[in-house]
Amino acid sequence: MKKGETYVLKTLVDKDYKNDDPFIEKIYTSFKVNDSVPSRTLFENKLRFFEEDLFSEHDSIRNSAIKSFDNLTIEKEDFPKLKEILENEPQAEDYFRVRQEKQEIQKAIKNASDEEWEEKQEHSQENTTNKKQNNDNENHAVRKAKKL
C-alpha cells in the first residue's frame, strides 16, 4: 500500500515452488510503484474511475470494471450517472441482468429450502402428535385392562 493505493501481484506456481524461476523472481523483486500515480483516499467517490474503466478500449479493463461493481459505494447522487451508464454500455446492462437473475435464482432456492424445512417441521410435529396420541390410547387401554 502506497499513497492510499493497494498493489497486488499474484502468480500461480507449483505448491513446492522453490523461488527458482528467474522471470517470476525478477518481477517480484524489481516491482516499484510509480511515484507519479495520483493518490486517492479510501472515502473518495470512485464512480468516475469505474466509468472510465467501463468505457475503456481494452476488454480486460472493461471486464474488470464490471466485476468490481460490487466493491463500489453508491451514493444517492450517483443514480442518474448509473442510469446513464446502463443506457450507454450494453455489457454493463447484461452484467446487471445476469446478476439480478442469479439473485432471483438464489432467492428461489432459499425459499424452496425454507418451504421444505417448514414442511419437514410440520410433518415431524404431526408424527410427534400422532405418536403421543397412540401412546395415550395405549396407556388408556392398559389402565382400562387393569381395572377389569
N, C-alpha and C. Protein backbone atom coordinates (compact mmCIF):
# COMPACT_ATOMS: atom_id res chain seq x y z
N MET A 1 0.85 -1.16 0.00
CA MET A 1 0.00 0.00 0.00
C MET A 1 0.91 1.23 0.00
N LYS A 2 0.61 2.12 -0.93
CA LYS A 2 1.40 3.35 -1.01
C LYS A 2 0.48 4.47 -1.46
N LYS A 3 0.49 5.57 -0.75
CA LYS A 3 -0.33 6.74 -1.07
C LYS A 3 -1.80 6.36 -1.21
N GLY A 4 -2.29 5.51 -0.35
CA GLY A 4 -3.68 5.12 -0.38
C GLY A 4 -4.04 4.11 -1.45
N GLU A 5 -3.06 3.65 -2.21
CA GLU A 5 -3.30 2.67 -3.27
C GLU A 5 -2.77 1.31 -2.82
N THR A 6 -3.47 0.28 -3.19
CA THR A 6 -3.03 -1.07 -2.88
C THR A 6 -2.60 -1.75 -4.17
N TYR A 7 -1.45 -2.38 -4.13
CA TYR A 7 -0.93 -3.10 -5.29
C TYR A 7 -0.81 -4.57 -4.92
N VAL A 8 -1.34 -5.42 -5.77
CA VAL A 8 -1.30 -6.84 -5.50
C VAL A 8 -0.68 -7.54 -6.72
N LEU A 9 0.37 -8.31 -6.48
CA LEU A 9 0.97 -9.13 -7.54
C LEU A 9 0.65 -10.57 -7.20
N LYS A 10 0.12 -11.29 -8.17
CA LYS A 10 -0.22 -12.70 -7.95
C LYS A 10 0.27 -13.52 -9.12
N THR A 11 0.68 -14.72 -8.83
CA THR A 11 1.01 -15.67 -9.89
C THR A 11 0.76 -17.07 -9.36
N LEU A 12 0.43 -17.97 -10.25
CA LEU A 12 0.24 -19.37 -9.87
C LEU A 12 1.57 -20.10 -10.01
N VAL A 13 1.95 -20.82 -8.97
CA VAL A 13 3.18 -21.61 -9.00
C VAL A 13 2.87 -22.97 -8.39
N ASP A 14 3.75 -23.92 -8.63
CA ASP A 14 3.59 -25.23 -8.00
C ASP A 14 3.66 -25.07 -6.49
N LYS A 15 2.96 -25.96 -5.77
CA LYS A 15 2.96 -25.84 -4.31
C LYS A 15 4.35 -26.07 -3.71
N ASP A 16 5.22 -26.73 -4.45
CA ASP A 16 6.58 -26.93 -3.95
C ASP A 16 7.58 -25.97 -4.62
N TYR A 17 7.09 -24.78 -5.02
CA TYR A 17 7.93 -23.78 -5.68
C TYR A 17 9.08 -23.37 -4.76
N LYS A 18 10.27 -23.29 -5.34
CA LYS A 18 11.47 -23.01 -4.55
C LYS A 18 12.16 -21.71 -4.98
N ASN A 19 11.38 -20.73 -5.44
CA ASN A 19 11.92 -19.43 -5.86
C ASN A 19 13.01 -19.60 -6.93
N ASP A 20 12.78 -20.50 -7.87
CA ASP A 20 13.81 -20.81 -8.85
C ASP A 20 13.45 -20.41 -10.29
N ASP A 21 12.39 -19.63 -10.45
CA ASP A 21 12.03 -19.16 -11.78
C ASP A 21 12.54 -17.72 -11.92
N PRO A 22 13.55 -17.50 -12.77
CA PRO A 22 14.16 -16.17 -12.88
C PRO A 22 13.16 -15.07 -13.27
N PHE A 23 12.23 -15.40 -14.17
CA PHE A 23 11.26 -14.40 -14.60
C PHE A 23 10.38 -13.95 -13.44
N ILE A 24 9.81 -14.91 -12.73
CA ILE A 24 8.94 -14.59 -11.59
C ILE A 24 9.72 -13.84 -10.52
N GLU A 25 10.88 -14.30 -10.22
CA GLU A 25 11.69 -13.66 -9.17
C GLU A 25 12.05 -12.23 -9.56
N LYS A 26 12.35 -12.00 -10.82
CA LYS A 26 12.71 -10.66 -11.27
C LYS A 26 11.51 -9.71 -11.12
N ILE A 27 10.34 -10.18 -11.51
CA ILE A 27 9.13 -9.35 -11.40
C ILE A 27 8.89 -8.96 -9.95
N TYR A 28 8.94 -9.94 -9.05
CA TYR A 28 8.62 -9.68 -7.65
C TYR A 28 9.70 -8.85 -6.94
N THR A 29 10.93 -8.98 -7.34
CA THR A 29 11.99 -8.22 -6.66
C THR A 29 12.21 -6.84 -7.28
N SER A 30 11.77 -6.64 -8.51
CA SER A 30 12.04 -5.36 -9.16
C SER A 30 10.81 -4.44 -9.24
N PHE A 31 9.65 -4.91 -8.78
CA PHE A 31 8.44 -4.10 -8.86
C PHE A 31 8.59 -2.85 -8.01
N LYS A 32 8.34 -1.70 -8.62
CA LYS A 32 8.38 -0.43 -7.91
C LYS A 32 7.14 0.36 -8.29
N VAL A 33 6.60 1.05 -7.32
CA VAL A 33 5.42 1.87 -7.54
C VAL A 33 5.84 3.19 -8.15
N ASN A 34 5.14 3.58 -9.17
CA ASN A 34 5.42 4.86 -9.83
C ASN A 34 4.94 5.99 -8.91
N ASP A 35 5.85 6.84 -8.49
CA ASP A 35 5.51 7.92 -7.56
C ASP A 35 4.61 8.98 -8.18
N SER A 36 4.48 8.98 -9.50
CA SER A 36 3.63 9.98 -10.14
C SER A 36 2.16 9.58 -10.17
N VAL A 37 1.84 8.40 -9.64
CA VAL A 37 0.46 7.95 -9.60
C VAL A 37 -0.29 8.84 -8.60
N PRO A 38 -1.41 9.44 -9.03
CA PRO A 38 -2.14 10.31 -8.10
C PRO A 38 -2.75 9.48 -6.97
N SER A 39 -2.65 10.00 -5.78
CA SER A 39 -3.19 9.25 -4.64
C SER A 39 -4.68 9.53 -4.51
N ARG A 40 -5.38 8.56 -3.94
CA ARG A 40 -6.82 8.67 -3.70
C ARG A 40 -7.07 8.28 -2.26
N THR A 41 -8.14 8.78 -1.71
CA THR A 41 -8.49 8.37 -0.35
C THR A 41 -9.45 7.20 -0.43
N LEU A 42 -9.54 6.46 0.64
CA LEU A 42 -10.47 5.34 0.67
C LEU A 42 -11.92 5.82 0.60
N PHE A 43 -12.16 7.05 1.02
CA PHE A 43 -13.52 7.56 1.11
C PHE A 43 -13.95 8.36 -0.12
N GLU A 44 -13.08 8.49 -1.08
CA GLU A 44 -13.38 9.23 -2.30
C GLU A 44 -14.38 8.45 -3.14
N ASN A 45 -15.32 9.16 -3.75
CA ASN A 45 -16.30 8.53 -4.62
C ASN A 45 -15.57 8.02 -5.86
N LYS A 46 -15.70 6.74 -6.13
CA LYS A 46 -14.93 6.11 -7.21
C LYS A 46 -15.75 5.86 -8.48
N LEU A 47 -16.95 6.39 -8.53
CA LEU A 47 -17.80 6.13 -9.69
C LEU A 47 -17.17 6.62 -10.99
N ARG A 48 -16.50 7.76 -10.96
CA ARG A 48 -15.91 8.27 -12.22
C ARG A 48 -14.78 7.35 -12.70
N PHE A 49 -14.04 6.73 -11.77
CA PHE A 49 -12.98 5.79 -12.18
C PHE A 49 -13.61 4.52 -12.75
N PHE A 50 -14.70 4.10 -12.13
CA PHE A 50 -15.45 2.95 -12.62
C PHE A 50 -15.92 3.22 -14.05
N GLU A 51 -16.48 4.41 -14.26
CA GLU A 51 -16.99 4.77 -15.59
C GLU A 51 -15.86 4.81 -16.62
N GLU A 52 -14.72 5.38 -16.25
CA GLU A 52 -13.57 5.42 -17.17
C GLU A 52 -13.16 4.01 -17.58
N ASP A 53 -13.08 3.13 -16.60
CA ASP A 53 -12.68 1.75 -16.89
C ASP A 53 -13.75 1.02 -17.70
N LEU A 54 -15.01 1.29 -17.39
CA LEU A 54 -16.11 0.63 -18.09
C LEU A 54 -16.12 0.97 -19.58
N PHE A 55 -15.71 2.18 -19.92
CA PHE A 55 -15.70 2.60 -21.32
C PHE A 55 -14.30 2.53 -21.94
N SER A 56 -13.41 1.79 -21.30
CA SER A 56 -12.06 1.62 -21.83
C SER A 56 -12.09 0.90 -23.17
N GLU A 57 -11.09 1.15 -23.98
CA GLU A 57 -10.99 0.44 -25.26
C GLU A 57 -10.51 -0.99 -25.08
N HIS A 58 -10.01 -1.33 -23.90
CA HIS A 58 -9.47 -2.66 -23.63
C HIS A 58 -10.50 -3.54 -22.91
N ASP A 59 -10.77 -4.70 -23.50
CA ASP A 59 -11.74 -5.64 -22.93
C ASP A 59 -11.41 -6.00 -21.48
N SER A 60 -10.15 -6.24 -21.20
CA SER A 60 -9.77 -6.69 -19.86
C SER A 60 -10.10 -5.62 -18.81
N ILE A 61 -9.91 -4.36 -19.15
CA ILE A 61 -10.22 -3.27 -18.21
C ILE A 61 -11.73 -3.14 -18.04
N ARG A 62 -12.47 -3.25 -19.15
CA ARG A 62 -13.94 -3.18 -19.06
C ARG A 62 -14.48 -4.32 -18.19
N ASN A 63 -13.99 -5.53 -18.44
CA ASN A 63 -14.46 -6.69 -17.65
C ASN A 63 -14.10 -6.53 -16.18
N SER A 64 -12.93 -6.01 -15.91
CA SER A 64 -12.51 -5.78 -14.54
C SER A 64 -13.42 -4.76 -13.86
N ALA A 65 -13.79 -3.71 -14.58
CA ALA A 65 -14.70 -2.70 -14.03
C ALA A 65 -16.05 -3.32 -13.68
N ILE A 66 -16.58 -4.11 -14.60
CA ILE A 66 -17.89 -4.74 -14.36
C ILE A 66 -17.83 -5.66 -13.15
N LYS A 67 -16.78 -6.45 -13.06
CA LYS A 67 -16.65 -7.38 -11.93
C LYS A 67 -16.41 -6.67 -10.61
N SER A 68 -15.90 -5.43 -10.66
CA SER A 68 -15.62 -4.71 -9.43
C SER A 68 -16.79 -3.85 -8.96
N PHE A 69 -17.89 -3.89 -9.69
CA PHE A 69 -19.02 -3.03 -9.34
C PHE A 69 -19.47 -3.23 -7.89
N ASP A 70 -19.50 -4.45 -7.44
CA ASP A 70 -19.95 -4.73 -6.07
C ASP A 70 -19.07 -4.07 -5.02
N ASN A 71 -17.88 -3.67 -5.38
CA ASN A 71 -16.97 -3.02 -4.43
C ASN A 71 -17.22 -1.52 -4.33
N LEU A 72 -18.02 -0.97 -5.24
CA LEU A 72 -18.30 0.46 -5.22
C LEU A 72 -19.27 0.81 -4.10
N THR A 73 -19.07 1.98 -3.53
CA THR A 73 -20.05 2.52 -2.60
C THR A 73 -20.88 3.52 -3.41
N ILE A 74 -22.14 3.22 -3.58
CA ILE A 74 -23.01 4.04 -4.40
C ILE A 74 -23.74 5.04 -3.51
N GLU A 75 -23.65 6.30 -3.90
CA GLU A 75 -24.34 7.38 -3.18
C GLU A 75 -25.62 7.73 -3.94
N LYS A 76 -26.55 8.38 -3.25
CA LYS A 76 -27.81 8.77 -3.88
C LYS A 76 -27.58 9.61 -5.13
N GLU A 77 -26.60 10.51 -5.08
CA GLU A 77 -26.34 11.39 -6.22
C GLU A 77 -25.72 10.64 -7.41
N ASP A 78 -25.33 9.38 -7.21
CA ASP A 78 -24.75 8.57 -8.30
C ASP A 78 -25.82 7.94 -9.20
N PHE A 79 -27.06 7.89 -8.76
CA PHE A 79 -28.09 7.18 -9.51
C PHE A 79 -28.30 7.70 -10.93
N PRO A 80 -28.36 9.02 -11.15
CA PRO A 80 -28.51 9.48 -12.54
C PRO A 80 -27.34 9.04 -13.42
N LYS A 81 -26.14 9.09 -12.89
CA LYS A 81 -24.97 8.68 -13.66
C LYS A 81 -25.02 7.18 -13.95
N LEU A 82 -25.42 6.39 -12.96
CA LEU A 82 -25.54 4.94 -13.17
C LEU A 82 -26.58 4.63 -14.25
N LYS A 83 -27.68 5.36 -14.22
CA LYS A 83 -28.71 5.15 -15.24
C LYS A 83 -28.13 5.44 -16.62
N GLU A 84 -27.39 6.53 -16.72
CA GLU A 84 -26.76 6.89 -18.00
C GLU A 84 -25.77 5.81 -18.45
N ILE A 85 -25.00 5.29 -17.50
CA ILE A 85 -24.03 4.23 -17.82
C ILE A 85 -24.75 3.00 -18.36
N LEU A 86 -25.83 2.62 -17.69
CA LEU A 86 -26.57 1.43 -18.13
C LEU A 86 -27.17 1.62 -19.51
N GLU A 87 -27.59 2.82 -19.80
CA GLU A 87 -28.17 3.09 -21.11
C GLU A 87 -27.12 3.11 -22.22
N ASN A 88 -25.87 3.38 -21.88
CA ASN A 88 -24.83 3.53 -22.89
C ASN A 88 -23.84 2.37 -22.97
N GLU A 89 -23.92 1.44 -22.06
CA GLU A 89 -22.96 0.33 -22.06
C GLU A 89 -23.73 -0.99 -21.99
N PRO A 90 -23.99 -1.62 -23.14
CA PRO A 90 -24.77 -2.85 -23.17
C PRO A 90 -24.16 -3.96 -22.31
N GLN A 91 -22.84 -4.02 -22.27
CA GLN A 91 -22.18 -5.07 -21.49
C GLN A 91 -22.52 -4.92 -20.00
N ALA A 92 -22.59 -3.68 -19.53
CA ALA A 92 -22.94 -3.44 -18.13
C ALA A 92 -24.37 -3.87 -17.87
N GLU A 93 -25.26 -3.54 -18.81
CA GLU A 93 -26.65 -3.93 -18.65
C GLU A 93 -26.78 -5.45 -18.60
N ASP A 94 -26.05 -6.15 -19.46
CA ASP A 94 -26.06 -7.61 -19.46
C ASP A 94 -25.58 -8.15 -18.12
N TYR A 95 -24.52 -7.54 -17.59
CA TYR A 95 -23.97 -7.99 -16.31
C TYR A 95 -25.02 -7.86 -15.22
N PHE A 96 -25.69 -6.70 -15.16
CA PHE A 96 -26.67 -6.49 -14.10
C PHE A 96 -27.88 -7.40 -14.27
N ARG A 97 -28.25 -7.68 -15.52
CA ARG A 97 -29.37 -8.58 -15.76
C ARG A 97 -29.00 -9.99 -15.27
N VAL A 98 -27.81 -10.44 -15.63
CA VAL A 98 -27.36 -11.77 -15.19
C VAL A 98 -27.28 -11.81 -13.67
N ARG A 99 -26.73 -10.75 -13.08
CA ARG A 99 -26.60 -10.68 -11.63
C ARG A 99 -27.96 -10.74 -10.96
N GLN A 100 -28.95 -10.00 -11.51
CA GLN A 100 -30.29 -10.00 -10.95
C GLN A 100 -30.92 -11.38 -11.08
N GLU A 101 -30.75 -12.01 -12.25
CA GLU A 101 -31.30 -13.35 -12.45
C GLU A 101 -30.67 -14.33 -11.46
N LYS A 102 -29.36 -14.20 -11.26
CA LYS A 102 -28.68 -15.08 -10.31
C LYS A 102 -29.24 -14.88 -8.90
N GLN A 103 -29.46 -13.63 -8.51
CA GLN A 103 -30.02 -13.35 -7.19
C GLN A 103 -31.43 -13.91 -7.06
N GLU A 104 -32.21 -13.79 -8.14
CA GLU A 104 -33.57 -14.33 -8.12
C GLU A 104 -33.55 -15.85 -7.99
N ILE A 105 -32.63 -16.49 -8.68
CA ILE A 105 -32.50 -17.95 -8.58
C ILE A 105 -32.10 -18.34 -7.16
N GLN A 106 -31.11 -17.62 -6.60
CA GLN A 106 -30.68 -17.92 -5.24
C GLN A 106 -31.82 -17.72 -4.24
N LYS A 107 -32.61 -16.67 -4.45
CA LYS A 107 -33.75 -16.40 -3.57
C LYS A 107 -34.78 -17.53 -3.69
N ALA A 108 -35.05 -17.97 -4.93
CA ALA A 108 -36.00 -19.06 -5.15
C ALA A 108 -35.52 -20.34 -4.48
N ILE A 109 -34.22 -20.61 -4.58
CA ILE A 109 -33.67 -21.81 -3.94
C ILE A 109 -33.82 -21.71 -2.43
N LYS A 110 -33.52 -20.54 -1.89
CA LYS A 110 -33.65 -20.34 -0.44
C LYS A 110 -35.10 -20.51 -0.01
N ASN A 111 -36.02 -19.89 -0.77
CA ASN A 111 -37.44 -20.01 -0.44
C ASN A 111 -37.90 -21.46 -0.50
N ALA A 112 -37.45 -22.18 -1.54
CA ALA A 112 -37.82 -23.59 -1.66
C ALA A 112 -37.25 -24.38 -0.48
N SER A 113 -36.02 -24.08 -0.12
CA SER A 113 -35.39 -24.76 1.01
C SER A 113 -36.14 -24.46 2.30
N ASP A 114 -36.53 -23.19 2.47
CA ASP A 114 -37.28 -22.79 3.66
C ASP A 114 -38.62 -23.51 3.72
N GLU A 115 -39.30 -23.59 2.54
CA GLU A 115 -40.59 -24.29 2.49
C GLU A 115 -40.43 -25.77 2.81
N GLU A 116 -39.38 -26.40 2.26
CA GLU A 116 -39.13 -27.81 2.53
C GLU A 116 -38.88 -28.01 4.03
N TRP A 117 -38.10 -27.09 4.62
CA TRP A 117 -37.79 -27.20 6.04
C TRP A 117 -39.07 -27.08 6.86
N GLU A 118 -39.91 -26.09 6.49
CA GLU A 118 -41.17 -25.92 7.21
C GLU A 118 -42.05 -27.15 7.08
N GLU A 119 -42.11 -27.72 5.85
CA GLU A 119 -42.90 -28.93 5.65
C GLU A 119 -42.38 -30.08 6.51
N LYS A 120 -41.06 -30.21 6.56
CA LYS A 120 -40.46 -31.27 7.38
C LYS A 120 -40.78 -31.06 8.85
N GLN A 121 -40.74 -29.77 9.27
CA GLN A 121 -41.06 -29.47 10.67
C GLN A 121 -42.51 -29.81 10.96
N GLU A 122 -43.43 -29.42 10.05
CA GLU A 122 -44.84 -29.71 10.23
C GLU A 122 -45.07 -31.22 10.26
N HIS A 123 -44.41 -31.94 9.33
CA HIS A 123 -44.55 -33.39 9.28
C HIS A 123 -44.01 -34.02 10.57
N SER A 124 -42.90 -33.52 11.03
CA SER A 124 -42.30 -34.02 12.26
C SER A 124 -43.22 -33.77 13.45
N GLN A 125 -43.83 -32.58 13.49
CA GLN A 125 -44.77 -32.27 14.57
C GLN A 125 -46.00 -33.16 14.50
N GLU A 126 -46.48 -33.42 13.27
CA GLU A 126 -47.63 -34.32 13.10
C GLU A 126 -47.28 -35.71 13.60
N ASN A 127 -46.09 -36.19 13.25
CA ASN A 127 -45.66 -37.51 13.72
C ASN A 127 -45.57 -37.55 15.23
N THR A 128 -45.02 -36.49 15.82
CA THR A 128 -44.90 -36.43 17.28
C THR A 128 -46.28 -36.44 17.92
N THR A 129 -47.20 -35.66 17.35
CA THR A 129 -48.57 -35.61 17.87
C THR A 129 -49.24 -36.97 17.72
N ASN A 130 -49.08 -37.63 16.57
CA ASN A 130 -49.67 -38.96 16.36
C ASN A 130 -49.09 -39.98 17.33
N LYS A 131 -47.78 -39.93 17.54
CA LYS A 131 -47.15 -40.87 18.48
C LYS A 131 -47.67 -40.65 19.89
N LYS A 132 -47.82 -39.36 20.25
CA LYS A 132 -48.33 -39.05 21.59
C LYS A 132 -49.75 -39.57 21.73
N GLN A 133 -50.60 -39.38 20.70
CA GLN A 133 -51.97 -39.87 20.75
C GLN A 133 -51.99 -41.39 20.86
N ASN A 134 -51.12 -42.06 20.08
CA ASN A 134 -51.05 -43.53 20.15
C ASN A 134 -50.62 -43.97 21.54
N ASN A 135 -49.63 -43.31 22.12
CA ASN A 135 -49.18 -43.66 23.48
C ASN A 135 -50.29 -43.42 24.49
N ASP A 136 -51.00 -42.30 24.33
CA ASP A 136 -52.12 -42.00 25.24
C ASP A 136 -53.19 -43.08 25.13
N ASN A 137 -53.50 -43.49 23.87
CA ASN A 137 -54.50 -44.53 23.66
C ASN A 137 -54.06 -45.86 24.29
N GLU A 138 -52.77 -46.20 24.10
CA GLU A 138 -52.25 -47.44 24.68
C GLU A 138 -52.30 -47.38 26.21
N ASN A 139 -51.89 -46.26 26.77
CA ASN A 139 -51.93 -46.10 28.22
C ASN A 139 -53.35 -46.20 28.75
N HIS A 140 -54.27 -45.60 28.03
CA HIS A 140 -55.67 -45.66 28.42
C HIS A 140 -56.15 -47.11 28.37
N ALA A 141 -55.79 -47.83 27.31
CA ALA A 141 -56.20 -49.24 27.19
C ALA A 141 -55.59 -50.07 28.30
N VAL A 142 -54.33 -49.78 28.66
CA VAL A 142 -53.67 -50.54 29.74
C VAL A 142 -54.39 -50.26 31.06
N ARG A 143 -54.69 -49.00 31.35
CA ARG A 143 -55.38 -48.64 32.60
C ARG A 143 -56.76 -49.31 32.66
N LYS A 144 -57.46 -49.34 31.54
CA LYS A 144 -58.78 -49.94 31.47
C LYS A 144 -58.68 -51.45 31.72
N ALA A 145 -57.65 -52.07 31.15
CA ALA A 145 -57.46 -53.52 31.30
C ALA A 145 -57.15 -53.84 32.76
N LYS A 146 -56.39 -52.99 33.43
CA LYS A 146 -56.05 -53.24 34.83
C LYS A 146 -57.27 -53.17 35.72
N LYS A 147 -58.22 -52.31 35.36
CA LYS A 147 -59.44 -52.15 36.16
C LYS A 147 -60.33 -53.38 36.05
N LEU A 148 -60.22 -54.04 34.91
CA LEU A 148 -61.07 -55.23 34.72
C LEU A 148 -60.50 -56.36 35.50
